[in-house]
């Protein structure tokens, strides 16, 4: 029994077989680009700031993603050792860019946990608290301490990573290590817009349990829509296709777009979901 999830067994035989056909996460990566309306997000964030509430693009996107996951729980599944698991929590990893004393950049990874009682406001608070606790050259988190110790002993990094990989493969990796690892996460997100860089399609790591990676790019004019007076924010999305079907991914994306078009829906606890839509007729995909 894994500490971070339970095995899913009530699945069609073909779905259960796919992780054996594609045993590596990099075998099963699909990529898309989601263009979200920058004007809607920007206006919403500015309106909240006028009310004294600080929100960021990342906090709104993470909140929308999690609420969409609650509507489509399979997006919180992960694959380990060719078996499908349902994660027993929801967490998000992201990168914080810091500067050393000499001005050179330094990165650290942070992870926050969300619950159904959260709202876009508490998500923003959790992100900011994590950033505040790790901002500054002298501040570091448990992951940084562990990495610094690991690299202080010659030959230790290779042994530790090899051991962790094989223990994880068989469900024996201690919970404390899973909690430290940014690669054991429901969603990994990075904000390249913050450094005025275009998005990329970032791979999902083979080590760990990351099933979806989202990269936020700098806003650009809406060339595809033909309205150059409006801007969009491109999201590079990389997905492990083995955790659910293409139809289920499509339904998830539709729900995510709905919340990003109507961010006000994220202000109530995520446990309050909209009424279920009627079943659609099945179509081939």
Protein backbone atom coordinates (compact mmCIF):
# COMPACT_ATOMS: atom_id res chain seq x y z
CA UNK A 1 0.00 0.00 0.00
CA UNK A 2 1.46 3.33 -1.07
CA UNK A 3 1.32 6.28 1.33
CA UNK A 4 0.19 8.66 -1.42
CA UNK A 5 -2.52 6.66 -3.17
CA UNK A 6 -4.44 3.44 -3.63
CA UNK A 7 -4.46 1.05 -6.55
CA UNK A 8 -7.31 1.45 -9.05
CA UNK A 9 -8.66 -1.92 -10.13
CA UNK A 10 -12.16 -1.27 -11.49
CA UNK A 11 -11.01 -0.18 -14.94
CA UNK A 12 -11.54 -1.66 -18.42
CA UNK A 13 -8.92 -4.24 -19.44
CA UNK A 14 -7.62 -2.12 -22.33
CA UNK A 15 -7.06 0.88 -20.06
CA UNK A 16 -5.26 -1.33 -17.54
CA UNK A 17 -3.07 -2.72 -20.32
CA UNK A 18 -1.87 0.63 -21.67
CA UNK A 19 0.71 1.27 -18.88
CA UNK A 20 2.29 -2.09 -19.73
CA UNK A 21 2.42 -1.19 -23.42
CA UNK A 22 3.90 2.23 -22.57
CA UNK A 23 5.77 1.62 -19.29
CA UNK A 24 7.65 4.95 -19.26
CA UNK A 25 6.07 8.32 -18.68
CA UNK A 26 7.99 9.84 -21.57
CA UNK A 27 6.46 7.16 -23.85
CA UNK A 28 2.98 8.34 -22.95
CA UNK A 29 3.32 12.12 -23.12
CA UNK A 30 0.77 14.09 -25.11
CA UNK A 31 1.08 17.85 -25.50
CA UNK A 32 -1.38 20.65 -26.20
CA UNK A 33 -1.37 24.42 -26.06
CA UNK A 34 -4.27 26.04 -24.22
CA UNK A 35 -4.78 29.73 -24.95
CA UNK A 36 -6.58 31.45 -22.11
CA UNK A 37 -8.10 34.91 -22.26
CA UNK A 38 -5.56 37.22 -20.66
CA UNK A 39 -8.04 40.11 -20.61
CA UNK A 40 -10.51 38.20 -18.45
CA UNK A 41 -7.83 37.14 -15.96
CA UNK A 42 -6.18 40.56 -15.87
CA UNK A 43 -9.46 42.40 -15.32
CA UNK A 44 -10.50 39.96 -12.59
CA UNK A 45 -7.16 40.24 -10.79
CA UNK A 46 -7.21 44.05 -11.01
CA UNK A 47 -10.77 44.20 -9.69
CA UNK A 48 -9.79 42.11 -6.68
CA UNK A 49 -6.71 44.24 -6.02
CA UNK A 50 -8.91 47.32 -5.93
CA UNK A 51 -10.80 45.50 -3.17
CA UNK A 52 -7.54 44.92 -1.32
CA UNK A 53 -7.24 41.24 -2.32
CA UNK A 54 -4.01 40.11 -3.94
CA UNK A 55 -4.28 37.39 -6.57
CA UNK A 56 -1.85 36.25 -9.24
CA UNK A 57 -2.30 34.53 -12.57
CA UNK A 58 -0.79 31.38 -11.11
CA UNK A 59 -3.17 31.28 -8.15
CA UNK A 60 -6.22 31.63 -10.42
CA UNK A 61 -4.97 28.95 -12.83
CA UNK A 62 -4.15 26.52 -10.01
CA UNK A 63 -7.53 27.14 -8.39
CA UNK A 64 -9.33 26.55 -11.70
CA UNK A 65 -7.29 23.41 -12.34
CA UNK A 66 -8.07 21.91 -8.93
CA UNK A 67 -11.78 22.68 -9.12
CA UNK A 68 -11.85 21.05 -12.58
CA UNK A 69 -10.06 18.00 -11.11
CA UNK A 70 -12.81 17.66 -8.51
CA UNK A 71 -15.25 17.40 -11.41
CA UNK A 72 -12.96 14.92 -13.20
CA UNK A 73 -11.06 12.99 -10.48
CA UNK A 74 -9.09 10.81 -12.89
CA UNK A 75 -6.83 13.80 -13.57
CA UNK A 76 -5.42 13.14 -10.09
CA UNK A 77 -4.43 9.56 -10.96
CA UNK A 78 -0.84 8.54 -11.52
CA UNK A 79 1.08 5.57 -12.89
CA UNK A 80 3.71 3.67 -10.99
CA UNK A 81 5.28 0.39 -12.07
CA UNK A 82 2.65 0.07 -14.85
CA UNK A 83 -0.18 0.24 -12.32
CA UNK A 84 -2.79 3.00 -12.00
CA UNK A 85 -3.21 4.72 -8.63
CA UNK A 86 -5.68 7.26 -7.28
CA UNK A 87 -3.85 9.94 -5.30
CA UNK A 88 -5.23 10.48 -1.78
CA UNK A 89 -4.52 14.22 -1.77
CA UNK A 90 -4.01 17.10 -4.18
CA UNK A 91 -0.76 19.03 -4.29
CA UNK A 92 1.00 21.44 -6.64
CA UNK A 93 4.74 21.88 -7.18
CA UNK A 94 6.24 25.05 -8.60
CA UNK A 95 9.60 26.75 -8.95
CA UNK A 96 10.67 29.85 -7.03
CA UNK A 97 13.44 31.94 -8.59
CA UNK A 98 15.75 33.52 -6.04
CA UNK A 99 18.95 35.53 -6.38
CA UNK A 100 22.25 34.83 -4.70
CA UNK A 101 24.27 37.57 -3.05
CA UNK A 102 26.26 38.05 -6.25
CA UNK A 103 23.07 38.53 -8.29
CA UNK A 104 23.12 35.15 -10.04
CA UNK A 105 19.81 33.25 -10.17
CA UNK A 106 19.04 30.35 -7.88
CA UNK A 107 15.99 28.10 -8.04
CA UNK A 108 14.13 26.15 -5.39
CA UNK A 109 10.99 24.04 -5.67
CA UNK A 110 7.95 24.44 -3.44
CA UNK A 111 4.90 22.27 -2.91
CA UNK A 112 1.51 23.22 -1.50
CA UNK A 113 -1.46 21.03 -0.60
CA UNK A 114 -5.04 21.97 -1.41
CA UNK A 115 -8.33 20.74 0.01
CA UNK A 116 -11.98 20.94 -0.99
CA UNK A 117 -12.47 23.74 1.54
CA UNK A 118 -10.08 26.01 -0.35
CA UNK A 119 -11.05 28.94 -2.56
CA UNK A 120 -9.01 31.01 -4.99
CA UNK A 121 -8.24 33.31 -2.05
CA UNK A 122 -6.83 30.59 0.21
CA UNK A 123 -4.89 29.12 -2.73
CA UNK A 124 -3.29 32.53 -3.24
CA UNK A 125 -2.50 32.68 0.48
CA UNK A 126 -0.85 29.26 0.48
CA UNK A 127 1.28 30.16 -2.52
CA UNK A 128 2.34 33.45 -0.96
CA UNK A 129 3.11 31.86 2.41
CA UNK A 130 5.33 29.27 0.71
CA UNK A 131 7.11 32.01 -1.25
CA UNK A 132 7.57 34.20 1.84
CA UNK A 133 9.02 31.28 3.80
CA UNK A 134 11.60 30.63 1.10
CA UNK A 135 12.44 34.11 -0.22
CA UNK A 136 15.94 35.30 0.52
CA UNK A 137 19.33 33.70 -0.03
CA UNK A 138 19.60 32.49 3.56
CA UNK A 139 16.20 30.78 3.57
CA UNK A 140 15.81 27.19 2.38
CA UNK A 141 13.26 24.43 2.75
CA UNK A 142 13.54 20.77 3.67
CA UNK A 143 14.04 19.77 0.05
CA UNK A 144 16.98 22.19 -0.24
CA UNK A 145 18.53 20.85 2.99
CA UNK A 146 18.20 17.27 1.80
CA UNK A 147 19.71 18.04 -1.61
CA UNK A 148 22.59 19.95 -0.01
CA UNK A 149 23.33 17.01 2.29
CA UNK A 150 23.08 14.52 -0.56
CA UNK A 151 25.63 16.36 -2.69
CA UNK A 152 28.01 16.81 0.22
CA UNK A 153 29.04 13.15 0.07
CA UNK A 154 30.76 11.89 -3.12
CA UNK A 155 28.79 9.12 -4.82
CA UNK A 156 25.76 9.59 -2.55
CA UNK A 157 23.43 11.35 -5.06
CA UNK A 158 23.53 8.49 -7.56
CA UNK A 159 22.91 5.89 -4.84
CA UNK A 160 20.10 7.87 -3.19
CA UNK A 161 18.26 8.53 -6.47
CA UNK A 162 18.68 4.90 -7.59
CA UNK A 163 17.38 3.64 -4.23
CA UNK A 164 14.47 6.08 -4.17
CA UNK A 165 13.46 5.17 -7.72
CA UNK A 166 13.35 1.44 -7.00
CA UNK A 167 11.70 1.80 -3.60
CA UNK A 168 9.06 4.05 -5.17
CA UNK A 169 8.50 1.54 -7.96
CA UNK A 170 7.48 -1.07 -5.40
CA UNK A 171 5.53 1.25 -3.10
CA UNK A 172 8.20 1.27 -0.39
CA UNK A 173 9.39 4.85 -0.55
CA UNK A 174 8.84 6.46 2.88
CA UNK A 175 6.12 9.09 3.13
CA UNK A 176 8.65 11.63 4.40
CA UNK A 177 10.63 11.36 1.15
CA UNK A 178 7.44 11.62 -0.94
CA UNK A 179 6.49 14.76 0.99
CA UNK A 180 9.94 16.25 0.30
CA UNK A 181 9.91 15.41 -3.38
CA UNK A 182 8.49 18.03 -5.77
CA UNK A 183 8.27 15.27 -8.39
CA UNK A 184 5.56 13.45 -6.42
CA UNK A 185 2.75 15.86 -7.20
CA UNK A 186 -0.69 16.18 -8.75
CA UNK A 187 0.44 19.10 -10.91
CA UNK A 188 3.78 20.71 -11.69
CA UNK A 189 3.44 24.29 -12.91
CA UNK A 190 6.00 26.87 -13.93
CA UNK A 191 5.49 30.53 -14.79
CA UNK A 192 7.79 31.63 -17.61
CA UNK A 193 5.63 34.72 -18.04
CA UNK A 194 7.23 36.04 -14.84
CA UNK A 195 10.57 36.25 -16.68
CA UNK A 196 8.92 37.47 -19.90
CA UNK A 197 9.60 34.23 -21.75
CA UNK A 198 7.42 32.21 -24.08
CA UNK A 199 5.91 28.92 -22.91
CA UNK A 200 7.41 25.50 -23.57
CA UNK A 201 6.02 21.97 -23.44
CA UNK A 202 7.91 20.68 -20.42
CA UNK A 203 8.28 16.93 -19.98
CA UNK A 204 6.68 15.07 -17.08
CA UNK A 205 9.42 13.56 -14.96
CA UNK A 206 9.96 9.81 -15.07
CA UNK A 207 11.00 9.95 -11.41
CA UNK A 208 8.01 10.54 -9.15
CA UNK A 209 4.30 10.68 -9.99
CA UNK A 210 3.77 13.90 -11.98
CA UNK A 211 1.00 13.26 -14.51
CA UNK A 212 0.48 16.82 -15.79
CA UNK A 213 2.94 19.68 -16.31
CA UNK A 214 1.73 23.19 -17.19
CA UNK A 215 3.99 25.99 -18.36
CA UNK A 216 2.61 29.56 -18.38
CA UNK A 217 3.99 31.75 -21.17
CA UNK A 218 4.09 35.52 -21.56
CA UNK A 219 0.83 37.00 -22.93
CA UNK A 220 0.75 37.64 -26.68
CA UNK A 221 -1.78 39.20 -29.09
CA UNK A 222 -4.59 36.90 -30.15
CA UNK A 223 -3.29 36.17 -33.65
CA UNK A 224 -5.37 33.01 -34.06
CA UNK A 225 -8.58 34.73 -32.99
CA UNK A 226 -7.84 37.67 -35.25
CA UNK A 227 -8.37 40.31 -32.54
CA UNK A 228 -4.93 41.85 -32.03
CA UNK A 229 -6.31 44.28 -29.45
CA UNK A 230 -6.79 41.39 -27.03
CA UNK A 231 -4.10 39.23 -25.49
CA UNK A 232 -4.03 35.56 -24.63
CA UNK A 233 -1.79 33.65 -22.25
CA UNK A 234 -0.57 30.39 -23.80
CA UNK A 235 -0.25 27.37 -21.54
CA UNK A 236 2.00 24.53 -22.64
CA UNK A 237 0.36 21.39 -21.22
CA UNK A 238 2.03 17.98 -21.13
CA UNK A 239 -0.09 15.02 -19.99
CA UNK A 240 0.46 11.37 -19.18
CA UNK A 241 -2.17 9.86 -21.47
CA UNK A 242 -2.34 6.62 -19.45
CA UNK A 243 -4.27 8.03 -16.49
CA UNK A 244 -7.53 8.47 -18.41
CA UNK A 245 -9.05 8.40 -21.87
CA UNK A 246 -8.83 11.17 -24.45
CA UNK A 247 -12.54 11.84 -24.01
CA UNK A 248 -12.06 12.36 -20.27
CA UNK A 249 -9.14 14.70 -20.89
CA UNK A 250 -11.30 16.68 -23.33
CA UNK A 251 -14.11 16.99 -20.78
CA UNK A 252 -11.61 18.15 -18.17
CA UNK A 253 -10.23 20.83 -20.51
CA UNK A 254 -13.75 22.11 -21.19
CA UNK A 255 -14.37 22.44 -17.45
CA UNK A 256 -11.02 24.15 -16.90
CA UNK A 257 -11.80 26.68 -19.65
CA UNK A 258 -15.18 27.40 -18.05
CA UNK A 259 -13.60 28.29 -14.71
CA UNK A 260 -10.92 30.43 -16.36
CA UNK A 261 -13.61 32.30 -18.31
CA UNK A 262 -15.63 32.78 -15.11
CA UNK A 263 -13.06 33.07 -12.29
CA UNK A 264 -15.75 34.33 -9.92
CA UNK A 265 -16.84 30.69 -9.63
CA UNK A 266 -13.57 30.02 -7.79
CA UNK A 267 -14.49 32.26 -4.87
CA UNK A 268 -16.67 29.64 -3.17
CA UNK A 269 -15.22 26.47 -1.57
CA UNK A 270 -14.16 24.00 -4.22
CA UNK A 271 -16.46 21.39 -2.70
CA UNK A 272 -19.39 23.38 -4.11
CA UNK A 273 -19.55 22.09 -7.67
CA UNK A 274 -22.00 23.09 -10.40
CA UNK A 275 -24.92 20.81 -11.13
CA UNK A 276 -23.94 17.83 -13.21
CA UNK A 277 -24.63 18.11 -16.91
CA UNK A 278 -26.77 15.46 -18.60
CA UNK A 279 -24.93 12.45 -20.01
CA UNK A 280 -23.76 12.94 -23.57
CA UNK A 281 -24.09 10.31 -26.25
CA UNK A 282 -20.86 8.34 -26.59
CA UNK A 283 -18.82 9.15 -29.67
CA UNK A 284 -15.72 7.47 -31.09
CA UNK A 285 -12.40 9.21 -30.30
